[in-house]
Amino acid sequence: MTLDELANELRAASDEKAVQDLAKYIDDWKCDDRNTEALERAVERFFGNAWISKEAEHSKSYRLWSSFRNDVIHGIGGMTMNERLYAFGLFERFDSCKSEAERFEVYGKVHANH
């Protein structure tokens, strides 16, 4: 599962505002300077603090997140740069970088050597 797929699956899993806001937060992460560890901390904090009224929707949302976290975030060390860019939906951002400094920002987001 990619980050984009995760956001879309979350949107489909629940129409509650909290879950919709989480999906937007995940989308917005791609455009800022936070790395995967910050993403993980924020989403874990969300699930610890947000109220999702239907248990089935909460469980499904957390299962989706856990699968992505375990497979992609925790597996990032074994990925190539292209795999990281694909998994986190960052190809477009990386390809549009106009300077080496901008590329270093993307490298930093996905813990890649540059």
Foldseek 3Di string as FASTA:
>chain_A
DALLVLLVVQVVLDVDPLSPVLSVVLVCLLVDLAAPVVNVVVVVVSLVPPDDPDPSSSVVNVVSVVVLCVCPVVVLVVDDPVVNCGRSVNPVQCVPDPDPVSNVSVCNRSVHDD
